[in-house]
mmCIF file of all heavy atoms, coordinates in Angstrom:
data_MODEL
# 
_entry.id   MODEL 
# 
loop_
_atom_site.group_PDB 
_atom_site.id 
_atom_site.type_symbol 
_atom_site.label_atom_id 
_atom_site.label_alt_id 
_atom_site.label_comp_id 
_atom_site.label_asym_id 
_atom_site.label_entity_id 
_atom_site.label_seq_id 
_atom_site.pdbx_PDB_ins_code 
_atom_site.Cartn_x 
_atom_site.Cartn_y 
_atom_site.Cartn_z 
_atom_site.occupancy 
_atom_site.B_iso_or_equiv 
_atom_site.pdbx_formal_charge 
_atom_site.auth_seq_id 
_atom_site.auth_comp_id 
_atom_site.auth_asym_id 
_atom_site.auth_atom_id 
_atom_site.pdbx_PDB_model_num 
ATOM 1   N N   . LYS A 1 1  ? 8.948   7.257   2.304  1.00 0.00 ? 1  LYS A N   1 
ATOM 2   C CA  . LYS A 1 1  ? 8.331   8.411   2.959  1.00 0.00 ? 1  LYS A CA  1 
ATOM 3   C C   . LYS A 1 1  ? 7.251   8.937   2.035  1.00 0.00 ? 1  LYS A C   1 
ATOM 4   O O   . LYS A 1 1  ? 7.465   9.086   0.831  1.00 0.00 ? 1  LYS A O   1 
ATOM 5   C CB  . LYS A 1 1  ? 9.352   9.513   3.219  1.00 0.00 ? 1  LYS A CB  1 
ATOM 6   C CG  . LYS A 1 1  ? 10.162  9.321   4.466  1.00 0.00 ? 1  LYS A CG  1 
ATOM 7   C CD  . LYS A 1 1  ? 10.939  10.578  4.794  1.00 0.00 ? 1  LYS A CD  1 
ATOM 8   C CE  . LYS A 1 1  ? 11.640  10.429  6.117  1.00 0.00 ? 1  LYS A CE  1 
ATOM 9   N NZ  . LYS A 1 1  ? 12.360  11.666  6.486  1.00 0.00 ? 1  LYS A NZ  1 
ATOM 10  N N   . GLN A 1 2  ? 6.095   9.187   2.619  1.00 0.00 ? 2  GLN A N   1 
ATOM 11  C CA  . GLN A 1 2  ? 4.961   9.780   1.911  1.00 0.00 ? 2  GLN A CA  1 
ATOM 12  C C   . GLN A 1 2  ? 4.446   10.917  2.779  1.00 0.00 ? 2  GLN A C   1 
ATOM 13  O O   . GLN A 1 2  ? 3.803   10.672  3.789  1.00 0.00 ? 2  GLN A O   1 
ATOM 14  C CB  . GLN A 1 2  ? 3.861   8.745   1.671  1.00 0.00 ? 2  GLN A CB  1 
ATOM 15  C CG  . GLN A 1 2  ? 4.281   7.604   0.766  1.00 0.00 ? 2  GLN A CG  1 
ATOM 16  C CD  . GLN A 1 2  ? 3.208   6.539   0.674  1.00 0.00 ? 2  GLN A CD  1 
ATOM 17  O OE1 . GLN A 1 2  ? 2.876   5.924   1.669  1.00 0.00 ? 2  GLN A OE1 1 
ATOM 18  N NE2 . GLN A 1 2  ? 2.697   6.321   -0.521 1.00 0.00 ? 2  GLN A NE2 1 
ATOM 19  N N   . GLY A 1 3  ? 4.719   12.145  2.362  1.00 0.00 ? 3  GLY A N   1 
ATOM 20  C CA  . GLY A 1 3  ? 4.367   13.308  3.167  1.00 0.00 ? 3  GLY A CA  1 
ATOM 21  C C   . GLY A 1 3  ? 2.898   13.390  3.534  1.00 0.00 ? 3  GLY A C   1 
ATOM 22  O O   . GLY A 1 3  ? 2.555   13.879  4.598  1.00 0.00 ? 3  GLY A O   1 
ATOM 23  N N   . TYR A 1 4  ? 2.035   12.875  2.670  1.00 0.00 ? 4  TYR A N   1 
ATOM 24  C CA  . TYR A 1 4  ? 0.605   12.953  2.982  1.00 0.00 ? 4  TYR A CA  1 
ATOM 25  C C   . TYR A 1 4  ? 0.188   11.902  4.010  1.00 0.00 ? 4  TYR A C   1 
ATOM 26  O O   . TYR A 1 4  ? -0.907  11.960  4.553  1.00 0.00 ? 4  TYR A O   1 
ATOM 27  C CB  . TYR A 1 4  ? -0.240  12.842  1.707  1.00 0.00 ? 4  TYR A CB  1 
ATOM 28  C CG  . TYR A 1 4  ? -0.332  11.461  1.107  1.00 0.00 ? 4  TYR A CG  1 
ATOM 29  C CD1 . TYR A 1 4  ? -1.399  10.635  1.396  1.00 0.00 ? 4  TYR A CD1 1 
ATOM 30  C CD2 . TYR A 1 4  ? 0.653   10.986  0.238  1.00 0.00 ? 4  TYR A CD2 1 
ATOM 31  C CE1 . TYR A 1 4  ? -1.493  9.365   0.849  1.00 0.00 ? 4  TYR A CE1 1 
ATOM 32  C CE2 . TYR A 1 4  ? 0.560   9.729   -0.317 1.00 0.00 ? 4  TYR A CE2 1 
ATOM 33  C CZ  . TYR A 1 4  ? -0.512  8.919   -0.009 1.00 0.00 ? 4  TYR A CZ  1 
ATOM 34  O OH  . TYR A 1 4  ? -0.585  7.666   -0.553 1.00 0.00 ? 4  TYR A OH  1 
ATOM 35  N N   . VAL A 1 5  ? 1.073   10.947  4.308  1.00 0.00 ? 5  VAL A N   1 
ATOM 36  C CA  . VAL A 1 5  ? 0.788   9.904   5.294  1.00 0.00 ? 5  VAL A CA  1 
ATOM 37  C C   . VAL A 1 5  ? 1.476   10.209  6.622  1.00 0.00 ? 5  VAL A C   1 
ATOM 38  O O   . VAL A 1 5  ? 0.857   10.162  7.676  1.00 0.00 ? 5  VAL A O   1 
ATOM 39  C CB  . VAL A 1 5  ? 1.250   8.516   4.777  1.00 0.00 ? 5  VAL A CB  1 
ATOM 40  C CG1 . VAL A 1 5  ? 1.111   7.449   5.852  1.00 0.00 ? 5  VAL A CG1 1 
ATOM 41  C CG2 . VAL A 1 5  ? 0.492   8.124   3.534  1.00 0.00 ? 5  VAL A CG2 1 
ATOM 42  N N   . SER A 1 6  ? 2.783   10.498  6.550  1.00 0.00 ? 6  SER A N   1 
ATOM 43  C CA  . SER A 1 6  ? 3.572   10.672  7.762  1.00 0.00 ? 6  SER A CA  1 
ATOM 44  C C   . SER A 1 6  ? 4.895   11.351  7.420  1.00 0.00 ? 6  SER A C   1 
ATOM 45  O O   . SER A 1 6  ? 5.353   11.290  6.282  1.00 0.00 ? 6  SER A O   1 
ATOM 46  C CB  . SER A 1 6  ? 3.842   9.293   8.381  1.00 0.00 ? 6  SER A CB  1 
ATOM 47  O OG  . SER A 1 6  ? 4.743   9.384   9.458  1.00 0.00 ? 6  SER A OG  1 
ATOM 48  N N   . GLU A 1 7  ? 5.508   11.941  8.430  1.00 0.00 ? 7  GLU A N   1 
ATOM 49  C CA  . GLU A 1 7  ? 6.849   12.489  8.258  1.00 0.00 ? 7  GLU A CA  1 
ATOM 50  C C   . GLU A 1 7  ? 7.896   11.403  8.419  1.00 0.00 ? 7  GLU A C   1 
ATOM 51  O O   . GLU A 1 7  ? 9.056   11.594  8.066  1.00 0.00 ? 7  GLU A O   1 
ATOM 52  C CB  . GLU A 1 7  ? 7.087   13.613  9.270  1.00 0.00 ? 7  GLU A CB  1 
ATOM 53  C CG  . GLU A 1 7  ? 6.215   14.828  9.043  1.00 0.00 ? 7  GLU A CG  1 
ATOM 54  C CD  . GLU A 1 7  ? 6.446   15.909  10.086 1.00 0.00 ? 7  GLU A CD  1 
ATOM 55  O OE1 . GLU A 1 7  ? 7.406   15.811  10.879 1.00 0.00 ? 7  GLU A OE1 1 
ATOM 56  O OE2 . GLU A 1 7  ? 5.644   16.855  10.114 1.00 0.00 ? 7  GLU A OE2 1 
ATOM 57  N N   . ASN A 1 8  ? 7.495   10.270  8.980  1.00 0.00 ? 8  ASN A N   1 
ATOM 58  C CA  . ASN A 1 8  ? 8.405   9.159   9.247  1.00 0.00 ? 8  ASN A CA  1 
ATOM 59  C C   . ASN A 1 8  ? 8.509   8.223   8.048  1.00 0.00 ? 8  ASN A C   1 
ATOM 60  O O   . ASN A 1 8  ? 7.670   8.249   7.150  1.00 0.00 ? 8  ASN A O   1 
ATOM 61  C CB  . ASN A 1 8  ? 7.901   8.336   10.440 1.00 0.00 ? 8  ASN A CB  1 
ATOM 62  C CG  . ASN A 1 8  ? 7.782   9.160   11.692 1.00 0.00 ? 8  ASN A CG  1 
ATOM 63  O OD1 . ASN A 1 8  ? 8.660   9.949   12.025 1.00 0.00 ? 8  ASN A OD1 1 
ATOM 64  N ND2 . ASN A 1 8  ? 6.677   9.002   12.392 1.00 0.00 ? 8  ASN A ND2 1 
ATOM 65  N N   . TYR A 1 9  ? 9.515   7.383   8.096  1.00 0.00 ? 9  TYR A N   1 
ATOM 66  C CA  . TYR A 1 9  ? 9.593   6.291   7.123  1.00 0.00 ? 9  TYR A CA  1 
ATOM 67  C C   . TYR A 1 9  ? 8.495   5.286   7.453  1.00 0.00 ? 9  TYR A C   1 
ATOM 68  O O   . TYR A 1 9  ? 8.177   5.056   8.625  1.00 0.00 ? 9  TYR A O   1 
ATOM 69  C CB  . TYR A 1 9  ? 10.953  5.607   7.171  1.00 0.00 ? 9  TYR A CB  1 
ATOM 70  C CG  . TYR A 1 9  ? 11.995  6.306   6.342  1.00 0.00 ? 9  TYR A CG  1 
ATOM 71  C CD1 . TYR A 1 9  ? 12.915  7.163   6.930  1.00 0.00 ? 9  TYR A CD1 1 
ATOM 72  C CD2 . TYR A 1 9  ? 12.058  6.113   4.962  1.00 0.00 ? 9  TYR A CD2 1 
ATOM 73  C CE1 . TYR A 1 9  ? 13.874  7.811   6.173  1.00 0.00 ? 9  TYR A CE1 1 
ATOM 74  C CE2 . TYR A 1 9  ? 13.010  6.751   4.195  1.00 0.00 ? 9  TYR A CE2 1 
ATOM 75  C CZ  . TYR A 1 9  ? 13.911  7.604   4.801  1.00 0.00 ? 9  TYR A CZ  1 
ATOM 76  O OH  . TYR A 1 9  ? 14.854  8.230   4.039  1.00 0.00 ? 9  TYR A OH  1 
ATOM 77  N N   . VAL A 1 10 ? 7.917   4.719   6.424  1.00 0.00 ? 10 VAL A N   1 
ATOM 78  C CA  . VAL A 1 10 ? 6.845   3.732   6.564  1.00 0.00 ? 10 VAL A CA  1 
ATOM 79  C C   . VAL A 1 10 ? 7.082   2.583   5.581  1.00 0.00 ? 10 VAL A C   1 
ATOM 80  O O   . VAL A 1 10 ? 7.957   2.661   4.723  1.00 0.00 ? 10 VAL A O   1 
ATOM 81  C CB  . VAL A 1 10 ? 5.449   4.359   6.314  1.00 0.00 ? 10 VAL A CB  1 
ATOM 82  C CG1 . VAL A 1 10 ? 5.133   5.429   7.354  1.00 0.00 ? 10 VAL A CG1 1 
ATOM 83  C CG2 . VAL A 1 10 ? 5.350   4.932   4.909  1.00 0.00 ? 10 VAL A CG2 1 
ATOM 84  N N   . ASN A 1 11 ? 6.268   1.567   5.699  1.00 0.00 ? 11 ASN A N   1 
ATOM 85  C CA  . ASN A 1 11 ? 6.304   0.439   4.773  1.00 0.00 ? 11 ASN A CA  1 
ATOM 86  C C   . ASN A 1 11 ? 5.444   0.748   3.549  1.00 0.00 ? 11 ASN A C   1 
ATOM 87  O O   . ASN A 1 11 ? 4.526   1.561   3.623  1.00 0.00 ? 11 ASN A O   1 
ATOM 88  C CB  . ASN A 1 11 ? 5.749   -0.831  5.439  1.00 0.00 ? 11 ASN A CB  1 
ATOM 89  C CG  . ASN A 1 11 ? 6.577   -1.257  6.613  1.00 0.00 ? 11 ASN A CG  1 
ATOM 90  O OD1 . ASN A 1 11 ? 6.444   -0.711  7.699  1.00 0.00 ? 11 ASN A OD1 1 
ATOM 91  N ND2 . ASN A 1 11 ? 7.424   -2.231  6.410  1.00 0.00 ? 11 ASN A ND2 1 
ATOM 92  N N   . VAL A 1 12 ? 5.717   0.052   2.474  1.00 0.00 ? 12 VAL A N   1 
ATOM 93  C CA  . VAL A 1 12 ? 4.840   0.100   1.302  1.00 0.00 ? 12 VAL A CA  1 
ATOM 94  C C   . VAL A 1 12 ? 3.466   -0.392  1.747  1.00 0.00 ? 12 VAL A C   1 
ATOM 95  O O   . VAL A 1 12 ? 3.360   -1.376  2.485  1.00 0.00 ? 12 VAL A O   1 
ATOM 96  C CB  . VAL A 1 12 ? 5.405   -0.794  0.171  1.00 0.00 ? 12 VAL A CB  1 
ATOM 97  C CG1 . VAL A 1 12 ? 4.385   -1.013  -0.930 1.00 0.00 ? 12 VAL A CG1 1 
ATOM 98  C CG2 . VAL A 1 12 ? 6.693   -0.194  -0.383 1.00 0.00 ? 12 VAL A CG2 1 
ATOM 99  N N   . ALA A 1 13 ? 2.412   0.279   1.311  1.00 0.00 ? 13 ALA A N   1 
ATOM 100 C CA  . ALA A 1 13 ? 1.059   -0.122  1.700  1.00 0.00 ? 13 ALA A CA  1 
ATOM 101 C C   . ALA A 1 13 ? 0.070   0.384   0.660  1.00 0.00 ? 13 ALA A C   1 
ATOM 102 O O   . ALA A 1 13 ? 0.383   1.274   -0.127 1.00 0.00 ? 13 ALA A O   1 
ATOM 103 C CB  . ALA A 1 13 ? 0.706   0.444   3.075  1.00 0.00 ? 13 ALA A CB  1 
ATOM 104 N N   . GLY A 1 14 ? -1.129  -0.189  0.664  1.00 0.00 ? 14 GLY A N   1 
ATOM 105 C CA  . GLY A 1 14 ? -2.157  0.276   -0.240 1.00 0.00 ? 14 GLY A CA  1 
ATOM 106 C C   . GLY A 1 14 ? -3.449  -0.500  -0.088 1.00 0.00 ? 14 GLY A C   1 
ATOM 107 O O   . GLY A 1 14 ? -3.497  -1.549  0.552  1.00 0.00 ? 14 GLY A O   1 
ATOM 108 N N   . TYR A 1 15 ? -4.482  0.030   -0.696 1.00 0.00 ? 15 TYR A N   1 
ATOM 109 C CA  . TYR A 1 15 ? -5.819  -0.550  -0.602 1.00 0.00 ? 15 TYR A CA  1 
ATOM 110 C C   . TYR A 1 15 ? -5.986  -1.742  -1.545 1.00 0.00 ? 15 TYR A C   1 
ATOM 111 O O   . TYR A 1 15 ? -5.480  -1.724  -2.671 1.00 0.00 ? 15 TYR A O   1 
ATOM 112 C CB  . TYR A 1 15 ? -6.886  0.494   -0.947 1.00 0.00 ? 15 TYR A CB  1 
ATOM 113 C CG  . TYR A 1 15 ? -7.038  1.537   0.127  1.00 0.00 ? 15 TYR A CG  1 
ATOM 114 C CD1 . TYR A 1 15 ? -6.347  2.744   0.048  1.00 0.00 ? 15 TYR A CD1 1 
ATOM 115 C CD2 . TYR A 1 15 ? -7.851  1.304   1.221  1.00 0.00 ? 15 TYR A CD2 1 
ATOM 116 C CE1 . TYR A 1 15 ? -6.482  3.698   1.042  1.00 0.00 ? 15 TYR A CE1 1 
ATOM 117 C CE2 . TYR A 1 15 ? -7.985  2.259   2.217  1.00 0.00 ? 15 TYR A CE2 1 
ATOM 118 C CZ  . TYR A 1 15 ? -7.298  3.446   2.120  1.00 0.00 ? 15 TYR A CZ  1 
ATOM 119 O OH  . TYR A 1 15 ? -7.426  4.384   3.115  1.00 0.00 ? 15 TYR A OH  1 
ATOM 120 N N   . VAL A 1 16 ? -6.744  -2.728  -1.087 1.00 0.00 ? 16 VAL A N   1 
ATOM 121 C CA  . VAL A 1 16 ? -7.125  -3.862  -1.920 1.00 0.00 ? 16 VAL A CA  1 
ATOM 122 C C   . VAL A 1 16 ? -8.224  -3.380  -2.860 1.00 0.00 ? 16 VAL A C   1 
ATOM 123 O O   . VAL A 1 16 ? -9.227  -2.823  -2.409 1.00 0.00 ? 16 VAL A O   1 
ATOM 124 C CB  . VAL A 1 16 ? -7.626  -5.052  -1.062 1.00 0.00 ? 16 VAL A CB  1 
ATOM 125 C CG1 . VAL A 1 16 ? -8.087  -6.198  -1.939 1.00 0.00 ? 16 VAL A CG1 1 
ATOM 126 C CG2 . VAL A 1 16 ? -6.548  -5.504  -0.081 1.00 0.00 ? 16 VAL A CG2 1 
ATOM 127 N N   . LYS A 1 17 ? -8.011  -3.587  -4.147 1.00 0.00 ? 17 LYS A N   1 
ATOM 128 C CA  . LYS A 1 17 ? -9.012  -3.189  -5.133 1.00 0.00 ? 17 LYS A CA  1 
ATOM 129 C C   . LYS A 1 17 ? -10.040 -4.294  -5.322 1.00 0.00 ? 17 LYS A C   1 
ATOM 130 O O   . LYS A 1 17 ? -9.749  -5.477  -5.089 1.00 0.00 ? 17 LYS A O   1 
ATOM 131 C CB  . LYS A 1 17 ? -8.347  -2.890  -6.485 1.00 0.00 ? 17 LYS A CB  1 
ATOM 132 C CG  . LYS A 1 17 ? -7.479  -1.658  -6.465 1.00 0.00 ? 17 LYS A CG  1 
ATOM 133 C CD  . LYS A 1 17 ? -6.878  -1.404  -7.836 1.00 0.00 ? 17 LYS A CD  1 
ATOM 134 C CE  . LYS A 1 17 ? -6.045  -0.139  -7.852 1.00 0.00 ? 17 LYS A CE  1 
ATOM 135 N NZ  . LYS A 1 17 ? -5.449  0.086   -9.184 1.00 0.00 ? 17 LYS A NZ  1 
ATOM 136 N N   . ARG A 1 18 ? -11.226 -3.912  -5.754 1.00 0.00 ? 18 ARG A N   1 
ATOM 137 C CA  . ARG A 1 18 ? -12.295 -4.875  -6.011 1.00 0.00 ? 18 ARG A CA  1 
ATOM 138 C C   . ARG A 1 18 ? -11.795 -5.962  -6.968 1.00 0.00 ? 18 ARG A C   1 
ATOM 139 O O   . ARG A 1 18 ? -11.178 -5.667  -7.986 1.00 0.00 ? 18 ARG A O   1 
ATOM 140 C CB  . ARG A 1 18 ? -13.492 -4.172  -6.626 1.00 0.00 ? 18 ARG A CB  1 
ATOM 141 C CG  . ARG A 1 18 ? -14.693 -5.078  -6.848 1.00 0.00 ? 18 ARG A CG  1 
ATOM 142 C CD  . ARG A 1 18 ? -15.825 -4.333  -7.510 1.00 0.00 ? 18 ARG A CD  1 
ATOM 143 N NE  . ARG A 1 18 ? -16.212 -3.191  -6.690 1.00 0.00 ? 18 ARG A NE  1 
ATOM 144 C CZ  . ARG A 1 18 ? -17.344 -3.137  -5.986 1.00 0.00 ? 18 ARG A CZ  1 
ATOM 145 N NH1 . ARG A 1 18 ? -18.199 -4.111  -6.033 1.00 0.00 ? 18 ARG A NH1 1 
ATOM 146 N NH2 . ARG A 1 18 ? -17.612 -2.085  -5.260 1.00 0.00 ? 18 ARG A NH2 1 
ATOM 147 N N   . GLY A 1 19 ? -12.042 -7.232  -6.621 1.00 0.00 ? 19 GLY A N   1 
ATOM 148 C CA  . GLY A 1 19 ? -11.648 -8.359  -7.458 1.00 0.00 ? 19 GLY A CA  1 
ATOM 149 C C   . GLY A 1 19 ? -10.202 -8.794  -7.288 1.00 0.00 ? 19 GLY A C   1 
ATOM 150 O O   . GLY A 1 19 ? -9.751  -9.729  -7.937 1.00 0.00 ? 19 GLY A O   1 
ATOM 151 N N   . GLU A 1 20 ? -9.466  -8.142  -6.403 1.00 0.00 ? 20 GLU A N   1 
ATOM 152 C CA  . GLU A 1 20 ? -8.048  -8.422  -6.210 1.00 0.00 ? 20 GLU A CA  1 
ATOM 153 C C   . GLU A 1 20 ? -7.855  -9.176  -4.897 1.00 0.00 ? 20 GLU A C   1 
ATOM 154 O O   . GLU A 1 20 ? -8.514  -8.875  -3.904 1.00 0.00 ? 20 GLU A O   1 
ATOM 155 C CB  . GLU A 1 20 ? -7.321  -7.074  -6.155 1.00 0.00 ? 20 GLU A CB  1 
ATOM 156 C CG  . GLU A 1 20 ? -5.840  -7.103  -6.268 1.00 0.00 ? 20 GLU A CG  1 
ATOM 157 C CD  . GLU A 1 20 ? -5.254  -5.701  -6.350 1.00 0.00 ? 20 GLU A CD  1 
ATOM 158 O OE1 . GLU A 1 20 ? -5.570  -4.846  -5.492 1.00 0.00 ? 20 GLU A OE1 1 
ATOM 159 O OE2 . GLU A 1 20 ? -4.469  -5.467  -7.277 1.00 0.00 ? 20 GLU A OE2 1 
ATOM 160 N N   . THR A 1 21 ? -6.957  -10.140 -4.865 1.00 0.00 ? 21 THR A N   1 
ATOM 161 C CA  . THR A 1 21 ? -6.624  -10.796 -3.602 1.00 0.00 ? 21 THR A CA  1 
ATOM 162 C C   . THR A 1 21 ? -5.617  -9.926  -2.858 1.00 0.00 ? 21 THR A C   1 
ATOM 163 O O   . THR A 1 21 ? -4.896  -9.131  -3.473 1.00 0.00 ? 21 THR A O   1 
ATOM 164 C CB  . THR A 1 21 ? -6.000  -12.188 -3.828 1.00 0.00 ? 21 THR A CB  1 
ATOM 165 O OG1 . THR A 1 21 ? -4.718  -12.017 -4.453 1.00 0.00 ? 21 THR A OG1 1 
ATOM 166 C CG2 . THR A 1 21 ? -6.903  -13.083 -4.674 1.00 0.00 ? 21 THR A CG2 1 
ATOM 167 N N   . PRO A 1 22 ? -5.529  -10.075 -1.541 1.00 0.00 ? 22 PRO A N   1 
ATOM 168 C CA  . PRO A 1 22 ? -4.509  -9.315  -0.802 1.00 0.00 ? 22 PRO A CA  1 
ATOM 169 C C   . PRO A 1 22 ? -3.091  -9.608  -1.302 1.00 0.00 ? 22 PRO A C   1 
ATOM 170 O O   . PRO A 1 22 ? -2.262  -8.704  -1.372 1.00 0.00 ? 22 PRO A O   1 
ATOM 171 C CB  . PRO A 1 22 ? -4.717  -9.755  0.644  1.00 0.00 ? 22 PRO A CB  1 
ATOM 172 C CG  . PRO A 1 22 ? -6.157  -10.149 0.708  1.00 0.00 ? 22 PRO A CG  1 
ATOM 173 C CD  . PRO A 1 22 ? -6.437  -10.781 -0.635 1.00 0.00 ? 22 PRO A CD  1 
ATOM 174 N N   . GLU A 1 23 ? -2.821  -10.859 -1.663 1.00 0.00 ? 23 GLU A N   1 
ATOM 175 C CA  . GLU A 1 23 ? -1.492  -11.208 -2.178 1.00 0.00 ? 23 GLU A CA  1 
ATOM 176 C C   . GLU A 1 23 ? -1.196  -10.456 -3.474 1.00 0.00 ? 23 GLU A C   1 
ATOM 177 O O   . GLU A 1 23 ? -0.087  -9.931  -3.654 1.00 0.00 ? 23 GLU A O   1 
ATOM 178 C CB  . GLU A 1 23 ? -1.378  -12.721 -2.399 1.00 0.00 ? 23 GLU A CB  1 
ATOM 179 C CG  . GLU A 1 23 ? -1.398  -13.545 -1.134 1.00 0.00 ? 23 GLU A CG  1 
ATOM 180 C CD  . GLU A 1 23 ? -2.797  -13.818 -0.571 1.00 0.00 ? 23 GLU A CD  1 
ATOM 181 O OE1 . GLU A 1 23 ? -3.802  -13.374 -1.165 1.00 0.00 ? 23 GLU A OE1 1 
ATOM 182 O OE2 . GLU A 1 23 ? -2.883  -14.479 0.475  1.00 0.00 ? 23 GLU A OE2 1 
ATOM 183 N N   . ASN A 1 24 ? -2.173  -10.401 -4.371 1.00 0.00 ? 24 ASN A N   1 
ATOM 184 C CA  . ASN A 1 24 ? -1.998  -9.645  -5.620 1.00 0.00 ? 24 ASN A CA  1 
ATOM 185 C C   . ASN A 1 24 ? -1.803  -8.160  -5.338 1.00 0.00 ? 24 ASN A C   1 
ATOM 186 O O   . ASN A 1 24 ? -1.023  -7.488  -6.016 1.00 0.00 ? 24 ASN A O   1 
ATOM 187 C CB  . ASN A 1 24 ? -3.186  -9.831  -6.559 1.00 0.00 ? 24 ASN A CB  1 
ATOM 188 C CG  . ASN A 1 24 ? -3.321  -11.235 -7.108 1.00 0.00 ? 24 ASN A CG  1 
ATOM 189 O OD1 . ASN A 1 24 ? -4.415  -11.760 -7.210 1.00 0.00 ? 24 ASN A OD1 1 
ATOM 190 N ND2 . ASN A 1 24 ? -2.214  -11.863 -7.465 1.00 0.00 ? 24 ASN A ND2 1 
ATOM 191 N N   . THR A 1 25 ? -2.512  -7.654  -4.342 1.00 0.00 ? 25 THR A N   1 
ATOM 192 C CA  . THR A 1 25 ? -2.365  -6.250  -3.965 1.00 0.00 ? 25 THR A CA  1 
ATOM 193 C C   . THR A 1 25 ? -0.946  -5.976  -3.481 1.00 0.00 ? 25 THR A C   1 
ATOM 194 O O   . THR A 1 25 ? -0.346  -4.961  -3.846 1.00 0.00 ? 25 THR A O   1 
ATOM 195 C CB  . THR A 1 25 ? -3.379  -5.861  -2.869 1.00 0.00 ? 25 THR A CB  1 
ATOM 196 O OG1 . THR A 1 25 ? -4.695  -6.126  -3.336 1.00 0.00 ? 25 THR A OG1 1 
ATOM 197 C CG2 . THR A 1 25 ? -3.251  -4.392  -2.489 1.00 0.00 ? 25 THR A CG2 1 
ATOM 198 N N   . ALA A 1 26 ? -0.396  -6.875  -2.660 1.00 0.00 ? 26 ALA A N   1 
ATOM 199 C CA  . ALA A 1 26 ? 0.973   -6.702  -2.167 1.00 0.00 ? 26 ALA A CA  1 
ATOM 200 C C   . ALA A 1 26 ? 1.959   -6.628  -3.326 1.00 0.00 ? 26 ALA A C   1 
ATOM 201 O O   . ALA A 1 26 ? 2.809   -5.725  -3.378 1.00 0.00 ? 26 ALA A O   1 
ATOM 202 C CB  . ALA A 1 26 ? 1.335   -7.834  -1.208 1.00 0.00 ? 26 ALA A CB  1 
ATOM 203 N N   . VAL A 1 27 ? 1.838   -7.543  -4.274 1.00 0.00 ? 27 VAL A N   1 
ATOM 204 C CA  . VAL A 1 27 ? 2.724   -7.554  -5.443 1.00 0.00 ? 27 VAL A CA  1 
ATOM 205 C C   . VAL A 1 27 ? 2.572   -6.247  -6.226 1.00 0.00 ? 27 VAL A C   1 
ATOM 206 O O   . VAL A 1 27 ? 3.561   -5.607  -6.607 1.00 0.00 ? 27 VAL A O   1 
ATOM 207 C CB  . VAL A 1 27 ? 2.423   -8.779  -6.341 1.00 0.00 ? 27 VAL A CB  1 
ATOM 208 C CG1 . VAL A 1 27 ? 3.146   -8.674  -7.678 1.00 0.00 ? 27 VAL A CG1 1 
ATOM 209 C CG2 . VAL A 1 27 ? 2.790   -10.075 -5.628 1.00 0.00 ? 27 VAL A CG2 1 
ATOM 210 N N   . ARG A 1 28 ? 1.325   -5.824  -6.446 1.00 0.00 ? 28 ARG A N   1 
ATOM 211 C CA  . ARG A 1 28 ? 1.057   -4.600  -7.215 1.00 0.00 ? 28 ARG A CA  1 
ATOM 212 C C   . ARG A 1 28 ? 1.614   -3.369  -6.518 1.00 0.00 ? 28 ARG A C   1 
ATOM 213 O O   . ARG A 1 28 ? 2.261   -2.519  -7.131 1.00 0.00 ? 28 ARG A O   1 
ATOM 214 C CB  . ARG A 1 28 ? -0.451  -4.440  -7.450 1.00 0.00 ? 28 ARG A CB  1 
ATOM 215 C CG  . ARG A 1 28 ? -0.816  -3.139  -8.174 1.00 0.00 ? 28 ARG A CG  1 
ATOM 216 C CD  . ARG A 1 28 ? -2.313  -2.977  -8.382 1.00 0.00 ? 28 ARG A CD  1 
ATOM 217 N NE  . ARG A 1 28 ? -3.133  -3.117  -7.191 1.00 0.00 ? 28 ARG A NE  1 
ATOM 218 C CZ  . ARG A 1 28 ? -3.272  -2.186  -6.253 1.00 0.00 ? 28 ARG A CZ  1 
ATOM 219 N NH1 . ARG A 1 28 ? -2.627  -1.023  -6.337 1.00 0.00 ? 28 ARG A NH1 1 
ATOM 220 N NH2 . ARG A 1 28 ? -4.074  -2.393  -5.216 1.00 0.00 ? 28 ARG A NH2 1 
ATOM 221 N N   . GLU A 1 29 ? 1.377   -3.250  -5.217 1.00 0.00 ? 29 GLU A N   1 
ATOM 222 C CA  . GLU A 1 29 ? 1.817   -2.064  -4.476 1.00 0.00 ? 29 GLU A CA  1 
ATOM 223 C C   . GLU A 1 29 ? 3.343   -1.956  -4.435 1.00 0.00 ? 29 GLU A C   1 
ATOM 224 O O   . GLU A 1 29 ? 3.894   -0.863  -4.566 1.00 0.00 ? 29 GLU A O   1 
ATOM 225 C CB  . GLU A 1 29 ? 1.245   -2.060  -3.056 1.00 0.00 ? 29 GLU A CB  1 
ATOM 226 C CG  . GLU A 1 29 ? -0.236  -1.746  -3.005 1.00 0.00 ? 29 GLU A CG  1 
ATOM 227 C CD  . GLU A 1 29 ? -0.580  -0.311  -3.401 1.00 0.00 ? 29 GLU A CD  1 
ATOM 228 O OE1 . GLU A 1 29 ? 0.293   0.584   -3.357 1.00 0.00 ? 29 GLU A OE1 1 
ATOM 229 O OE2 . GLU A 1 29 ? -1.746  -0.080  -3.756 1.00 0.00 ? 29 GLU A OE2 1 
# 
């Protein structure tokens, strides 16, 4: 739960940073 995103339960998520692959972003997040 992240109050600034939603009152509901959500999945882990985040932005892909410059130079990062989506797979690396998933691991990092």
